[in-house]
Amino acid sequence: MTIKMKNKNFAFIVILCTLMGCREIAVPKPRGYFRIELPAKQYVEFSDNPGKTSLPFNFEYPVYGSISTGDANFSEPGFFNIEFPAYRAKIYFTYKEINGDLAGLIEQTYTMNVKNHIPKADAIDEQIINNRGNRVYGILYDLKGNTATSVQFYVTDSLRHFLRGSLYFASEPNPDSLAPVTGFFREDIIHLIETLRWDEQ
């Protein structure tokens, strides 16, 4: 092979590489989510609600939520929800009188509301609730990952009252897209717990 032929081959390869190198490579864009408009925080007394009459406690809940007790699942007193239709979210509540079985109620709450979600959870964080002034004690659970619920809690006065709650969305679990709304309603749950008062106080 002559030097002239080698130079032609080399020039051809250089031109070919240059042309291929200039081609734009498509890079997929990261998945985006719609911006969710969240309302200003504002609260109303639970005692102002007509369905409250048989429940021995009061708290403040968001004005953008509505109390419901008409669900077919409410087969006994003490079951109610706070619904947020605009966000397809609901906080399910159950109130029980302790009747000497606080340990059983705590175990039942952990088994039903937390333990069943462990296989799907990446992590479960616990925040201790200890408000001696209002006799409100309990645990707030934050469940991370593709779980059906992301926030659970129970509170009690340790003697008579036991209240548990769970935040659910009527959509496929997706922690990335739900994160802003979950954080928003978590703040409302914290406010609810901080303003909780048992009726005999």
N, C-alpha and C. Protein backbone atom coordinates (compact mmCIF):
# COMPACT_ATOMS: atom_id res chain seq x y z
N MET A 1 0.86 -1.17 0.00
CA MET A 1 0.00 0.00 0.00
C MET A 1 0.90 1.24 0.00
N THR A 2 0.60 2.18 -0.85
CA THR A 2 1.43 3.37 -0.95
C THR A 2 1.09 4.34 0.15
N ILE A 3 2.01 5.31 0.38
CA ILE A 3 1.79 6.35 1.41
C ILE A 3 0.58 7.18 1.04
N LYS A 4 0.39 7.42 -0.25
CA LYS A 4 -0.73 8.23 -0.72
C LYS A 4 -2.05 7.56 -0.36
N MET A 5 -2.13 6.22 -0.52
CA MET A 5 -3.35 5.47 -0.21
C MET A 5 -3.61 5.50 1.29
N LYS A 6 -2.52 5.35 2.09
CA LYS A 6 -2.66 5.40 3.54
C LYS A 6 -3.20 6.74 3.98
N ASN A 7 -2.72 7.81 3.39
CA ASN A 7 -3.18 9.15 3.74
C ASN A 7 -4.65 9.34 3.41
N LYS A 8 -5.09 8.76 2.26
CA LYS A 8 -6.50 8.87 1.87
C LYS A 8 -7.39 8.13 2.86
N ASN A 9 -6.96 6.91 3.24
CA ASN A 9 -7.73 6.13 4.23
C ASN A 9 -7.80 6.86 5.58
N PHE A 10 -6.67 7.41 5.99
CA PHE A 10 -6.62 8.13 7.27
C PHE A 10 -7.54 9.36 7.22
N ALA A 11 -7.49 10.10 6.11
CA ALA A 11 -8.33 11.30 5.96
C ALA A 11 -9.81 10.92 5.98
N PHE A 12 -10.13 9.79 5.30
CA PHE A 12 -11.52 9.32 5.27
C PHE A 12 -12.01 8.98 6.69
N ILE A 13 -11.17 8.29 7.46
CA ILE A 13 -11.53 7.92 8.83
C ILE A 13 -11.72 9.16 9.70
N VAL A 14 -10.83 10.14 9.56
CA VAL A 14 -10.93 11.39 10.34
C VAL A 14 -12.22 12.12 10.00
N ILE A 15 -12.55 12.23 8.70
CA ILE A 15 -13.78 12.92 8.28
C ILE A 15 -15.01 12.18 8.80
N LEU A 16 -14.98 10.85 8.69
CA LEU A 16 -16.10 10.02 9.16
C LEU A 16 -16.31 10.20 10.68
N CYS A 17 -15.22 10.15 11.45
CA CYS A 17 -15.31 10.35 12.91
C CYS A 17 -15.83 11.74 13.25
N THR A 18 -15.36 12.74 12.50
CA THR A 18 -15.80 14.11 12.74
C THR A 18 -17.29 14.26 12.49
N LEU A 19 -17.77 13.68 11.39
CA LEU A 19 -19.19 13.77 11.07
C LEU A 19 -20.05 13.06 12.11
N MET A 20 -19.59 11.89 12.54
CA MET A 20 -20.34 11.14 13.55
C MET A 20 -20.30 11.83 14.90
N GLY A 21 -19.17 12.46 15.21
CA GLY A 21 -19.01 13.15 16.49
C GLY A 21 -19.85 14.41 16.60
N CYS A 22 -20.22 15.00 15.49
CA CYS A 22 -21.02 16.23 15.51
C CYS A 22 -22.50 15.96 15.67
N ARG A 23 -22.88 14.70 15.55
CA ARG A 23 -24.29 14.35 15.64
C ARG A 23 -24.78 14.54 17.08
N GLU A 24 -25.93 15.16 17.26
CA GLU A 24 -26.48 15.41 18.60
C GLU A 24 -27.12 14.13 19.12
N ILE A 25 -26.77 13.77 20.33
CA ILE A 25 -27.32 12.57 20.94
C ILE A 25 -28.50 12.97 21.83
N ALA A 26 -29.63 12.31 21.64
CA ALA A 26 -30.82 12.62 22.44
C ALA A 26 -30.66 12.07 23.85
N VAL A 27 -30.86 12.92 24.84
CA VAL A 27 -30.79 12.52 26.25
C VAL A 27 -32.19 12.65 26.82
N PRO A 28 -32.73 11.58 27.42
CA PRO A 28 -34.09 11.69 27.97
C PRO A 28 -34.17 12.71 29.11
N LYS A 29 -35.25 13.46 29.12
CA LYS A 29 -35.45 14.44 30.17
C LYS A 29 -35.95 13.74 31.43
N PRO A 30 -35.58 14.26 32.61
CA PRO A 30 -36.10 13.65 33.84
C PRO A 30 -37.61 13.84 33.93
N ARG A 31 -38.26 12.88 34.57
CA ARG A 31 -39.72 12.94 34.72
C ARG A 31 -40.11 14.16 35.55
N GLY A 32 -41.10 14.89 35.09
CA GLY A 32 -41.59 16.06 35.82
C GLY A 32 -43.01 15.82 36.32
N TYR A 33 -43.44 16.61 37.29
CA TYR A 33 -44.78 16.48 37.85
C TYR A 33 -45.46 17.85 37.83
N PHE A 34 -46.79 17.82 37.73
CA PHE A 34 -47.54 19.06 37.72
C PHE A 34 -47.36 19.79 39.05
N ARG A 35 -47.30 21.10 38.98
CA ARG A 35 -47.23 21.91 40.19
C ARG A 35 -48.61 21.86 40.86
N ILE A 36 -48.63 21.60 42.16
CA ILE A 36 -49.89 21.51 42.90
C ILE A 36 -50.06 22.76 43.73
N GLU A 37 -51.16 23.44 43.50
CA GLU A 37 -51.46 24.65 44.28
C GLU A 37 -52.04 24.25 45.63
N LEU A 38 -51.43 24.70 46.70
CA LEU A 38 -51.89 24.36 48.05
C LEU A 38 -52.47 25.60 48.73
N PRO A 39 -53.56 25.43 49.46
CA PRO A 39 -54.21 26.59 50.09
C PRO A 39 -53.44 27.12 51.29
N ALA A 40 -53.81 28.33 51.71
CA ALA A 40 -53.21 28.91 52.92
C ALA A 40 -53.71 28.14 54.13
N LYS A 41 -52.85 28.01 55.13
CA LYS A 41 -53.23 27.29 56.35
C LYS A 41 -54.25 28.10 57.14
N GLN A 42 -55.35 27.43 57.45
CA GLN A 42 -56.41 28.04 58.26
C GLN A 42 -57.19 26.89 58.90
N TYR A 43 -57.58 27.07 60.18
CA TYR A 43 -58.16 25.95 60.93
C TYR A 43 -59.49 26.33 61.57
N VAL A 44 -60.28 25.29 61.86
CA VAL A 44 -61.58 25.45 62.49
C VAL A 44 -61.69 24.41 63.60
N GLU A 45 -62.52 24.69 64.60
CA GLU A 45 -62.70 23.78 65.74
C GLU A 45 -63.52 22.57 65.35
N PHE A 46 -63.06 21.39 65.74
CA PHE A 46 -63.80 20.15 65.52
C PHE A 46 -65.11 20.17 66.29
N SER A 47 -65.14 20.86 67.42
CA SER A 47 -66.36 20.91 68.24
C SER A 47 -67.50 21.62 67.53
N ASP A 48 -67.18 22.41 66.50
CA ASP A 48 -68.22 23.11 65.73
C ASP A 48 -68.94 22.17 64.77
N ASN A 49 -68.46 20.94 64.65
CA ASN A 49 -69.02 20.00 63.69
C ASN A 49 -70.15 19.19 64.32
N PRO A 50 -71.31 19.09 63.67
CA PRO A 50 -72.45 18.36 64.24
C PRO A 50 -72.16 16.89 64.54
N GLY A 51 -71.26 16.25 63.78
CA GLY A 51 -70.96 14.84 63.99
C GLY A 51 -70.09 14.56 65.19
N LYS A 52 -69.63 15.60 65.87
CA LYS A 52 -68.69 15.46 66.98
C LYS A 52 -69.36 15.03 68.27
N THR A 53 -70.66 15.12 68.38
CA THR A 53 -71.36 15.03 69.67
C THR A 53 -70.96 13.84 70.54
N SER A 54 -70.70 12.67 69.98
CA SER A 54 -70.42 11.49 70.80
C SER A 54 -68.92 11.29 71.06
N LEU A 55 -68.07 12.17 70.59
CA LEU A 55 -66.63 12.00 70.74
C LEU A 55 -66.07 12.94 71.80
N PRO A 56 -65.36 12.40 72.80
CA PRO A 56 -64.94 13.19 73.96
C PRO A 56 -63.60 13.91 73.81
N PHE A 57 -63.45 14.64 72.72
CA PHE A 57 -62.22 15.41 72.51
C PHE A 57 -62.51 16.53 71.52
N ASN A 58 -61.57 17.43 71.42
CA ASN A 58 -61.67 18.52 70.45
C ASN A 58 -60.28 18.78 69.88
N PHE A 59 -60.23 19.31 68.66
CA PHE A 59 -58.98 19.72 68.04
C PHE A 59 -59.30 20.70 66.92
N GLU A 60 -58.27 21.26 66.33
CA GLU A 60 -58.45 22.13 65.17
C GLU A 60 -58.05 21.36 63.92
N TYR A 61 -58.88 21.48 62.88
CA TYR A 61 -58.58 20.82 61.61
C TYR A 61 -58.70 21.85 60.48
N PRO A 62 -58.13 21.58 59.30
CA PRO A 62 -58.09 22.58 58.22
C PRO A 62 -59.47 22.91 57.67
N VAL A 63 -59.68 24.17 57.31
CA VAL A 63 -60.94 24.60 56.72
C VAL A 63 -61.15 23.99 55.33
N TYR A 64 -60.07 23.57 54.68
CA TYR A 64 -60.19 22.97 53.35
C TYR A 64 -60.47 21.47 53.43
N GLY A 65 -60.71 20.97 54.63
CA GLY A 65 -61.11 19.58 54.83
C GLY A 65 -62.55 19.52 55.33
N SER A 66 -63.20 18.39 55.15
CA SER A 66 -64.57 18.24 55.66
C SER A 66 -64.68 16.92 56.43
N ILE A 67 -65.42 16.97 57.55
CA ILE A 67 -65.63 15.79 58.38
C ILE A 67 -66.70 14.91 57.74
N SER A 68 -66.44 13.61 57.69
CA SER A 68 -67.45 12.68 57.19
C SER A 68 -67.56 11.51 58.15
N THR A 69 -68.80 11.05 58.34
CA THR A 69 -69.04 9.87 59.18
C THR A 69 -70.05 8.94 58.51
N GLY A 70 -70.44 9.24 57.29
CA GLY A 70 -71.50 8.47 56.62
C GLY A 70 -71.02 7.29 55.82
N ASP A 71 -69.74 6.96 55.88
CA ASP A 71 -69.19 5.84 55.11
C ASP A 71 -69.75 4.52 55.63
N ALA A 72 -69.94 3.57 54.73
CA ALA A 72 -70.47 2.26 55.12
C ALA A 72 -69.52 1.53 56.07
N ASN A 73 -68.25 1.90 56.07
CA ASN A 73 -67.27 1.26 56.95
C ASN A 73 -67.44 1.68 58.41
N PHE A 74 -68.20 2.73 58.66
CA PHE A 74 -68.38 3.21 60.04
C PHE A 74 -69.46 2.38 60.72
N SER A 75 -69.08 1.17 61.12
CA SER A 75 -70.04 0.26 61.72
C SER A 75 -70.16 0.46 63.23
N GLU A 76 -69.30 1.28 63.80
CA GLU A 76 -69.36 1.55 65.23
C GLU A 76 -68.99 3.00 65.49
N PRO A 77 -69.40 3.54 66.63
CA PRO A 77 -69.06 4.93 66.94
C PRO A 77 -67.55 5.08 67.11
N GLY A 78 -67.06 6.28 66.85
CA GLY A 78 -65.64 6.54 66.99
C GLY A 78 -64.89 6.54 65.68
N PHE A 79 -65.55 6.19 64.57
CA PHE A 79 -64.93 6.20 63.26
C PHE A 79 -65.36 7.47 62.53
N PHE A 80 -64.40 8.22 62.00
CA PHE A 80 -64.71 9.39 61.19
C PHE A 80 -63.51 9.72 60.31
N ASN A 81 -63.71 10.58 59.32
CA ASN A 81 -62.65 10.97 58.41
C ASN A 81 -62.59 12.49 58.30
N ILE A 82 -61.43 12.98 57.90
CA ILE A 82 -61.33 14.34 57.37
C ILE A 82 -60.95 14.16 55.90
N GLU A 83 -61.82 14.63 55.01
CA GLU A 83 -61.62 14.44 53.57
C GLU A 83 -61.14 15.72 52.90
N PHE A 84 -60.26 15.54 51.91
CA PHE A 84 -59.73 16.64 51.11
C PHE A 84 -59.95 16.29 49.64
N PRO A 85 -61.18 16.44 49.14
CA PRO A 85 -61.53 15.97 47.78
C PRO A 85 -60.65 16.56 46.68
N ALA A 86 -60.24 17.81 46.83
CA ALA A 86 -59.43 18.45 45.78
C ALA A 86 -58.08 17.76 45.60
N TYR A 87 -57.64 17.04 46.63
CA TYR A 87 -56.33 16.38 46.59
C TYR A 87 -56.45 14.87 46.65
N ARG A 88 -57.69 14.37 46.61
CA ARG A 88 -57.96 12.93 46.69
C ARG A 88 -57.27 12.32 47.91
N ALA A 89 -57.35 13.05 49.02
CA ALA A 89 -56.70 12.63 50.26
C ALA A 89 -57.74 12.50 51.36
N LYS A 90 -57.41 11.65 52.34
CA LYS A 90 -58.33 11.42 53.45
C LYS A 90 -57.52 11.01 54.67
N ILE A 91 -57.86 11.57 55.83
CA ILE A 91 -57.28 11.10 57.09
C ILE A 91 -58.36 10.28 57.78
N TYR A 92 -58.08 9.00 57.98
CA TYR A 92 -59.02 8.09 58.64
C TYR A 92 -58.72 8.10 60.15
N PHE A 93 -59.77 8.26 60.96
CA PHE A 93 -59.62 8.29 62.42
C PHE A 93 -60.43 7.17 63.06
N THR A 94 -59.88 6.66 64.16
CA THR A 94 -60.61 5.72 65.00
C THR A 94 -60.39 6.14 66.45
N TYR A 95 -61.48 6.33 67.18
CA TYR A 95 -61.40 6.63 68.62
C TYR A 95 -61.89 5.41 69.39
N LYS A 96 -61.15 5.06 70.44
CA LYS A 96 -61.54 3.95 71.31
C LYS A 96 -61.37 4.37 72.77
N GLU A 97 -62.23 3.85 73.62
CA GLU A 97 -61.97 3.96 75.05
C GLU A 97 -61.01 2.85 75.42
N ILE A 98 -60.06 3.15 76.28
CA ILE A 98 -58.99 2.19 76.58
C ILE A 98 -59.51 0.96 77.33
N ASN A 99 -60.36 1.15 78.34
CA ASN A 99 -60.92 0.03 79.10
C ASN A 99 -59.85 -0.95 79.59
N GLY A 100 -58.75 -0.42 80.10
CA GLY A 100 -57.71 -1.25 80.69
C GLY A 100 -56.82 -1.99 79.71
N ASP A 101 -56.92 -1.72 78.40
CA ASP A 101 -56.13 -2.46 77.42
C ASP A 101 -55.33 -1.53 76.51
N LEU A 102 -54.57 -0.62 77.10
CA LEU A 102 -53.77 0.32 76.31
C LEU A 102 -52.72 -0.42 75.48
N ALA A 103 -52.04 -1.40 76.09
CA ALA A 103 -51.00 -2.15 75.36
C ALA A 103 -51.59 -2.86 74.15
N GLY A 104 -52.80 -3.42 74.30
CA GLY A 104 -53.45 -4.09 73.18
C GLY A 104 -53.80 -3.15 72.05
N LEU A 105 -54.28 -1.94 72.39
CA LEU A 105 -54.61 -0.95 71.36
C LEU A 105 -53.36 -0.47 70.63
N ILE A 106 -52.27 -0.27 71.37
CA ILE A 106 -51.02 0.16 70.74
C ILE A 106 -50.51 -0.93 69.80
N GLU A 107 -50.55 -2.18 70.25
CA GLU A 107 -50.09 -3.30 69.42
C GLU A 107 -50.97 -3.44 68.17
N GLN A 108 -52.29 -3.32 68.35
CA GLN A 108 -53.22 -3.41 67.21
C GLN A 108 -52.94 -2.30 66.20
N THR A 109 -52.70 -1.09 66.69
CA THR A 109 -52.40 0.05 65.82
C THR A 109 -51.11 -0.20 65.05
N TYR A 110 -50.08 -0.68 65.75
CA TYR A 110 -48.80 -0.93 65.09
C TYR A 110 -48.94 -2.02 64.03
N THR A 111 -49.65 -3.10 64.36
CA THR A 111 -49.82 -4.21 63.43
C THR A 111 -50.62 -3.79 62.19
N MET A 112 -51.77 -3.14 62.41
CA MET A 112 -52.65 -2.74 61.30
C MET A 112 -52.07 -1.61 60.48
N ASN A 113 -51.57 -0.59 61.15
CA ASN A 113 -51.25 0.66 60.46
C ASN A 113 -49.79 0.82 60.08
N VAL A 114 -48.89 0.07 60.72
CA VAL A 114 -47.47 0.25 60.43
C VAL A 114 -46.84 -1.04 59.92
N LYS A 115 -46.95 -2.10 60.69
CA LYS A 115 -46.28 -3.37 60.36
C LYS A 115 -46.68 -3.87 58.97
N ASN A 116 -47.94 -3.74 58.60
CA ASN A 116 -48.40 -4.22 57.29
C ASN A 116 -47.75 -3.48 56.12
N HIS A 117 -47.19 -2.29 56.39
CA HIS A 117 -46.56 -1.50 55.33
C HIS A 117 -45.05 -1.68 55.27
N ILE A 118 -44.49 -2.43 56.21
CA ILE A 118 -43.03 -2.59 56.27
C ILE A 118 -42.45 -3.17 54.97
N PRO A 119 -43.08 -4.19 54.33
CA PRO A 119 -42.49 -4.73 53.10
C PRO A 119 -42.30 -3.69 51.99
N LYS A 120 -43.17 -2.68 51.92
CA LYS A 120 -43.08 -1.66 50.87
C LYS A 120 -42.27 -0.44 51.30
N ALA A 121 -42.08 -0.26 52.61
CA ALA A 121 -41.43 0.95 53.12
C ALA A 121 -39.92 0.88 52.98
N ASP A 122 -39.31 1.99 52.56
CA ASP A 122 -37.85 2.09 52.54
C ASP A 122 -37.34 2.36 53.95
N ALA A 123 -38.14 3.09 54.73
CA ALA A 123 -37.78 3.41 56.12
C ALA A 123 -39.03 3.85 56.85
N ILE A 124 -39.02 3.70 58.16
CA ILE A 124 -40.12 4.19 59.00
C ILE A 124 -39.50 5.01 60.13
N ASP A 125 -39.82 6.29 60.15
CA ASP A 125 -39.33 7.18 61.21
C ASP A 125 -40.42 7.36 62.26
N GLU A 126 -40.02 7.40 63.52
CA GLU A 126 -40.96 7.58 64.62
C GLU A 126 -40.65 8.88 65.33
N GLN A 127 -41.69 9.65 65.59
CA GLN A 127 -41.56 10.88 66.38
C GLN A 127 -42.43 10.73 67.63
N ILE A 128 -41.80 10.80 68.79
CA ILE A 128 -42.52 10.64 70.06
C ILE A 128 -43.34 11.90 70.34
N ILE A 129 -44.59 11.71 70.75
CA ILE A 129 -45.47 12.82 71.13
C ILE A 129 -45.59 12.78 72.65
N ASN A 130 -45.20 13.87 73.30
CA ASN A 130 -45.21 13.91 74.76
C ASN A 130 -45.64 15.30 75.23
N ASN A 131 -46.95 15.52 75.29
CA ASN A 131 -47.50 16.81 75.72
C ASN A 131 -48.16 16.61 77.09
N ARG A 132 -47.35 16.76 78.15
CA ARG A 132 -47.85 16.51 79.50
C ARG A 132 -48.94 17.49 79.90
N GLY A 133 -48.83 18.73 79.45
CA GLY A 133 -49.83 19.75 79.80
C GLY A 133 -51.24 19.36 79.40
N ASN A 134 -51.38 18.74 78.22
CA ASN A 134 -52.70 18.34 77.73
C ASN A 134 -52.92 16.83 77.84
N ARG A 135 -51.99 16.11 78.46
CA ARG A 135 -52.06 14.66 78.60
C ARG A 135 -52.26 13.98 77.25
N VAL A 136 -51.43 14.35 76.31
CA VAL A 136 -51.47 13.78 74.96
C VAL A 136 -50.11 13.13 74.70
N TYR A 137 -50.11 11.80 74.61
CA TYR A 137 -48.89 11.02 74.41
C TYR A 137 -49.10 10.08 73.23
N GLY A 138 -48.04 9.78 72.52
CA GLY A 138 -48.18 8.85 71.41
C GLY A 138 -46.97 8.83 70.50
N ILE A 139 -47.19 8.37 69.27
CA ILE A 139 -46.13 8.28 68.27
C ILE A 139 -46.68 8.69 66.91
N LEU A 140 -45.89 9.47 66.18
CA LEU A 140 -46.18 9.82 64.78
C LEU A 140 -45.21 9.03 63.92
N TYR A 141 -45.75 8.27 62.96
CA TYR A 141 -44.93 7.45 62.06
C TYR A 141 -44.88 8.10 60.67
N ASP A 142 -43.67 8.25 60.14
CA ASP A 142 -43.47 8.67 58.76
C ASP A 142 -42.97 7.47 57.98
N LEU A 143 -43.75 7.01 57.01
CA LEU A 143 -43.39 5.84 56.21
C LEU A 143 -42.84 6.31 54.87
N LYS A 144 -41.61 5.96 54.58
CA LYS A 144 -40.94 6.39 53.34
C LYS A 144 -41.04 5.29 52.28
N GLY A 145 -41.17 5.69 51.02
CA GLY A 145 -41.22 4.73 49.93
C GLY A 145 -42.61 4.61 49.33
N ASN A 146 -42.83 3.55 48.56
CA ASN A 146 -44.10 3.34 47.85
C ASN A 146 -45.13 2.65 48.75
N THR A 147 -45.44 3.26 49.87
CA THR A 147 -46.43 2.70 50.79
C THR A 147 -47.78 3.33 50.51
N ALA A 148 -48.85 2.62 50.88
CA ALA A 148 -50.20 3.13 50.66
C ALA A 148 -50.48 4.35 51.53
N THR A 149 -49.83 4.44 52.66
CA THR A 149 -49.98 5.57 53.56
C THR A 149 -48.59 6.09 53.92
N SER A 150 -48.48 7.37 54.14
CA SER A 150 -47.16 7.94 54.43
C SER A 150 -47.08 8.52 55.84
N VAL A 151 -48.22 8.80 56.45
CA VAL A 151 -48.23 9.35 57.81
C VAL A 151 -49.29 8.61 58.63
N GLN A 152 -48.88 8.12 59.79
CA GLN A 152 -49.77 7.43 60.73
C GLN A 152 -49.48 7.97 62.13
N PHE A 153 -50.45 7.92 63.00
CA PHE A 153 -50.17 8.32 64.38
C PHE A 153 -51.20 7.70 65.32
N TYR A 154 -50.84 7.67 66.59
CA TYR A 154 -51.82 7.42 67.65
C TYR A 154 -51.49 8.34 68.81
N VAL A 155 -52.53 8.76 69.52
CA VAL A 155 -52.37 9.58 70.73
C VAL A 155 -53.31 9.05 71.79
N THR A 156 -52.93 9.24 73.05
CA THR A 156 -53.71 8.74 74.17
C THR A 156 -53.43 9.58 75.41
N ASP A 157 -54.34 9.50 76.38
CA ASP A 157 -54.05 10.11 77.69
C ASP A 157 -53.52 9.05 78.65
N SER A 158 -53.37 7.82 78.16
CA SER A 158 -52.85 6.66 78.89
C SER A 158 -53.84 6.03 79.85
N LEU A 159 -55.00 6.64 80.05
CA LEU A 159 -55.98 6.11 81.01
C LEU A 159 -57.31 5.77 80.37
N ARG A 160 -57.86 6.68 79.59
CA ARG A 160 -59.21 6.50 79.06
C ARG A 160 -59.31 6.60 77.55
N HIS A 161 -58.59 7.53 76.95
CA HIS A 161 -58.80 7.87 75.53
C HIS A 161 -57.68 7.34 74.64
N PHE A 162 -58.07 6.90 73.43
CA PHE A 162 -57.11 6.44 72.43
C PHE A 162 -57.62 6.85 71.06
N LEU A 163 -56.82 7.62 70.32
CA LEU A 163 -57.20 8.11 68.99
C LEU A 163 -56.07 7.79 68.02
N ARG A 164 -56.42 7.17 66.89
CA ARG A 164 -55.40 6.91 65.87
C ARG A 164 -55.85 7.49 64.54
N GLY A 165 -54.88 7.81 63.69
CA GLY A 165 -55.19 8.38 62.39
C GLY A 165 -54.19 7.95 61.33
N SER A 166 -54.65 7.91 60.08
CA SER A 166 -53.82 7.49 58.94
C SER A 166 -54.16 8.35 57.73
N LEU A 167 -53.12 8.88 57.09
CA LEU A 167 -53.30 9.68 55.88
C LEU A 167 -53.18 8.77 54.65
N TYR A 168 -54.20 8.80 53.80
CA TYR A 168 -54.20 8.02 52.55
C TYR A 168 -54.56 8.92 51.37
N PHE A 169 -54.03 8.55 50.20
CA PHE A 169 -54.38 9.20 48.95
C PHE A 169 -55.07 8.19 48.05
N ALA A 170 -56.11 8.62 47.34
CA ALA A 170 -56.84 7.74 46.41
C ALA A 170 -56.13 7.76 45.06
N SER A 171 -54.84 7.38 45.08
CA SER A 171 -54.05 7.32 43.86
C SER A 171 -52.93 6.33 44.07
N GLU A 172 -52.27 5.95 42.98
CA GLU A 172 -51.16 5.01 43.09
C GLU A 172 -50.03 5.65 43.88
N PRO A 173 -49.47 4.92 44.86
CA PRO A 173 -48.40 5.51 45.67
C PRO A 173 -47.21 5.93 44.80
N ASN A 174 -46.80 7.16 44.91
CA ASN A 174 -45.62 7.66 44.23
C ASN A 174 -45.03 8.76 45.11
N PRO A 175 -44.03 8.41 45.93
CA PRO A 175 -43.52 9.36 46.91
C PRO A 175 -42.97 10.64 46.30
N ASP A 176 -42.44 10.57 45.06
CA ASP A 176 -41.88 11.78 44.44
C ASP A 176 -42.96 12.79 44.11
N SER A 177 -44.04 12.33 43.47
CA SER A 177 -45.08 13.26 43.06
C SER A 177 -45.95 13.71 44.23
N LEU A 178 -46.10 12.84 45.24
CA LEU A 178 -46.96 13.17 46.39
C LEU A 178 -46.23 13.92 47.50
N ALA A 179 -44.91 13.99 47.43
CA ALA A 179 -44.12 14.56 48.53
C ALA A 179 -44.61 15.95 48.98
N PRO A 180 -44.87 16.91 48.07
CA PRO A 180 -45.30 18.23 48.54
C PRO A 180 -46.64 18.18 49.28
N VAL A 181 -47.58 17.36 48.78
CA VAL A 181 -48.91 17.28 49.40
C VAL A 181 -48.83 16.51 50.71
N THR A 182 -48.02 15.46 50.73
CA THR A 182 -47.84 14.70 51.97
C THR A 182 -47.27 15.60 53.07
N GLY A 183 -46.25 16.37 52.73
CA GLY A 183 -45.67 17.31 53.70
C GLY A 183 -46.67 18.34 54.18
N PHE A 184 -47.52 18.80 53.26
CA PHE A 184 -48.54 19.79 53.58
C PHE A 184 -49.54 19.24 54.60
N PHE A 185 -50.06 18.02 54.33
CA PHE A 185 -51.04 17.43 55.25
C PHE A 185 -50.39 16.92 56.54
N ARG A 186 -49.12 16.59 56.48
CA ARG A 186 -48.41 16.21 57.71
C ARG A 186 -48.40 17.39 58.69
N GLU A 187 -48.18 18.59 58.18
CA GLU A 187 -48.23 19.79 59.03
C GLU A 187 -49.60 19.94 59.68
N ASP A 188 -50.67 19.62 58.93
CA ASP A 188 -52.03 19.71 59.48
C ASP A 188 -52.24 18.66 60.57
N ILE A 189 -51.66 17.48 60.38
CA ILE A 189 -51.76 16.43 61.41
C ILE A 189 -51.03 16.87 62.67
N ILE A 190 -49.86 17.45 62.52
CA ILE A 190 -49.11 17.96 63.67
C ILE A 190 -49.94 19.02 64.40
N HIS A 191 -50.56 19.93 63.65
CA HIS A 191 -51.40 20.98 64.26
C HIS A 191 -52.57 20.36 65.00
N LEU A 192 -53.19 19.37 64.40
CA LEU A 192 -54.32 18.68 65.01
C LEU A 192 -53.89 18.07 66.35
N ILE A 193 -52.74 17.40 66.37
CA ILE A 193 -52.25 16.78 67.61
C ILE A 193 -51.92 17.83 68.66
N GLU A 194 -51.29 18.93 68.23
CA GLU A 194 -50.90 19.98 69.17
C GLU A 194 -52.11 20.69 69.79
N THR A 195 -53.23 20.70 69.07
CA THR A 195 -54.43 21.39 69.59
C THR A 195 -55.43 20.43 70.22
N LEU A 196 -55.09 19.13 70.29
CA LEU A 196 -56.01 18.13 70.83
C LEU A 196 -56.23 18.34 72.33
N ARG A 197 -57.49 18.32 72.73
CA ARG A 197 -57.86 18.43 74.13
C ARG A 197 -58.92 17.38 74.42
N TRP A 198 -58.72 16.59 75.48
CA TRP A 198 -59.76 15.64 75.93
C TRP A 198 -60.82 16.43 76.66
N ASP A 199 -62.10 16.04 76.51
CA ASP A 199 -63.21 16.85 77.00
C ASP A 199 -63.23 17.10 78.51
N GLU A 200 -62.75 16.18 79.32
CA GLU A 200 -62.85 16.38 80.77
C GLU A 200 -61.83 17.35 81.33
N GLN A 201 -60.92 17.89 80.49
CA GLN A 201 -59.93 18.84 80.97
C GLN A 201 -60.55 20.19 81.24
